[in-house]
Protein backbone atom coordinates (compact mmCIF):
# COMPACT_ATOMS: atom_id res chain seq x y z
CA UNK A 1 90.00 112.65 125.22
CA UNK A 2 89.59 115.01 122.08
CA UNK A 3 86.85 117.67 122.46
CA UNK A 4 84.33 117.79 119.73
CA UNK A 5 83.69 121.34 118.80
CA UNK A 6 80.90 121.04 116.13
CA UNK A 7 78.31 118.25 115.21
CA UNK A 8 75.52 117.80 112.89
CA UNK A 9 73.18 119.20 115.66
CA UNK A 10 74.85 122.64 115.23
CA UNK A 11 73.42 122.84 111.75
CA UNK A 12 69.69 122.97 112.10
CA UNK A 13 69.01 119.42 111.05
CA UNK A 14 65.58 118.21 109.36
CA UNK A 15 64.12 115.05 110.33
CA UNK A 16 64.90 113.62 107.03
CA UNK A 17 68.48 114.37 107.45
CA UNK A 18 68.97 113.14 110.84
CA UNK A 19 67.47 109.72 109.52
CA UNK A 20 69.93 109.64 106.70
CA UNK A 21 72.72 110.37 108.87
CA UNK A 22 71.78 108.21 112.10
CA UNK A 23 69.26 105.68 110.41
CA UNK A 24 66.62 107.33 113.20
CA UNK A 25 64.42 110.31 112.87
CA UNK A 26 64.34 110.64 116.72
CA UNK A 27 68.19 110.68 117.70
CA UNK A 28 68.73 112.97 120.47
CA UNK A 29 72.15 114.76 120.92
CA UNK A 30 73.05 112.70 123.92
CA UNK A 31 72.24 109.44 122.04
CA UNK A 32 74.51 110.81 119.33
CA UNK A 33 77.53 111.90 120.98
CA UNK A 34 77.96 108.19 123.11
CA UNK A 35 80.42 107.10 120.82
CA UNK A 36 81.39 110.11 118.88
CA UNK A 37 84.91 110.67 117.66
CA UNK A 38 86.32 113.84 116.17
CA UNK A 39 86.87 112.12 112.93
CA UNK A 40 83.11 110.85 112.94
CA UNK A 41 81.88 114.25 113.77
CA UNK A 42 83.82 115.52 110.86
CA UNK A 43 82.57 112.74 108.48
CA UNK A 44 78.92 113.31 109.39
CA UNK A 45 79.53 117.08 108.81
CA UNK A 46 80.63 116.32 105.46
CA UNK A 47 77.79 114.05 104.74
CA UNK A 48 75.29 116.40 105.86
CA UNK A 49 76.62 119.15 103.68
CA UNK A 50 77.05 116.46 100.48
CA UNK A 51 73.26 115.80 101.34
CA UNK A 52 72.51 119.58 101.44
CA UNK A 53 74.41 120.13 97.90
CA UNK A 54 76.96 122.44 99.36
CA UNK A 55 80.02 120.65 98.12
CA UNK A 56 82.43 123.30 99.08
CA UNK A 57 81.53 123.32 102.77
CA UNK A 58 81.45 119.50 102.71
CA UNK A 59 85.17 119.75 101.36
CA UNK A 60 85.97 121.94 104.27
CA UNK A 61 84.96 119.10 106.77
CA UNK A 62 86.58 116.34 104.80
CA UNK A 63 90.10 118.09 104.42
CA UNK A 64 89.95 118.22 108.53
CA UNK A 65 89.60 114.44 108.80
CA UNK A 66 92.81 113.42 110.31
CA UNK A 67 92.64 109.54 109.53
CA UNK A 68 93.54 108.59 105.99
CA UNK A 69 91.75 105.25 106.65
CA UNK A 70 88.60 107.09 107.56
CA UNK A 71 88.43 109.40 104.67
CA UNK A 72 89.07 106.10 102.49
CA UNK A 73 86.15 104.65 103.94
CA UNK A 74 84.01 107.63 103.65
CA UNK A 75 85.03 107.87 99.88
CA UNK A 76 84.19 104.25 99.31
CA UNK A 77 80.78 104.61 101.04
CA UNK A 78 79.91 107.58 98.74
CA UNK A 79 80.87 105.70 95.56
CA UNK A 80 78.70 102.82 96.74
CA UNK A 81 81.39 100.41 97.03
CA UNK A 82 80.67 99.61 100.90
CA UNK A 83 77.47 99.63 102.30
CA UNK A 84 76.72 100.49 105.73
CA UNK A 85 75.58 97.14 106.76
CA UNK A 86 79.12 95.81 105.64
CA UNK A 87 80.70 98.44 108.14
CA UNK A 88 78.35 96.88 110.87
CA UNK A 89 79.87 93.35 110.09
CA UNK A 90 77.04 92.42 107.71
CA UNK A 91 77.15 91.69 103.81
CA UNK A 92 78.51 94.00 101.20
CA UNK A 93 75.63 93.29 98.72
CA UNK A 94 75.73 96.64 96.32
């Protein structure tokens, strides 16, 4: 099992940021980390710093993601080509 060294919870999340990242305002760290992988932790950190407008810091996290497929998925989400609902098995109505 790979150890996750850093998550969004290490960066003074606001309730709004937590909602944007998880879909819930009251997600706890314990709930968040249940199915968390190292790539997902880095992807969430990338997203957090994109939300905050710190593109340089976001890129540092993006560059550390090992899965090319996951990087592709994040970029398609960012571009609006995939919806979060589609990734959960729903429609891709954009």
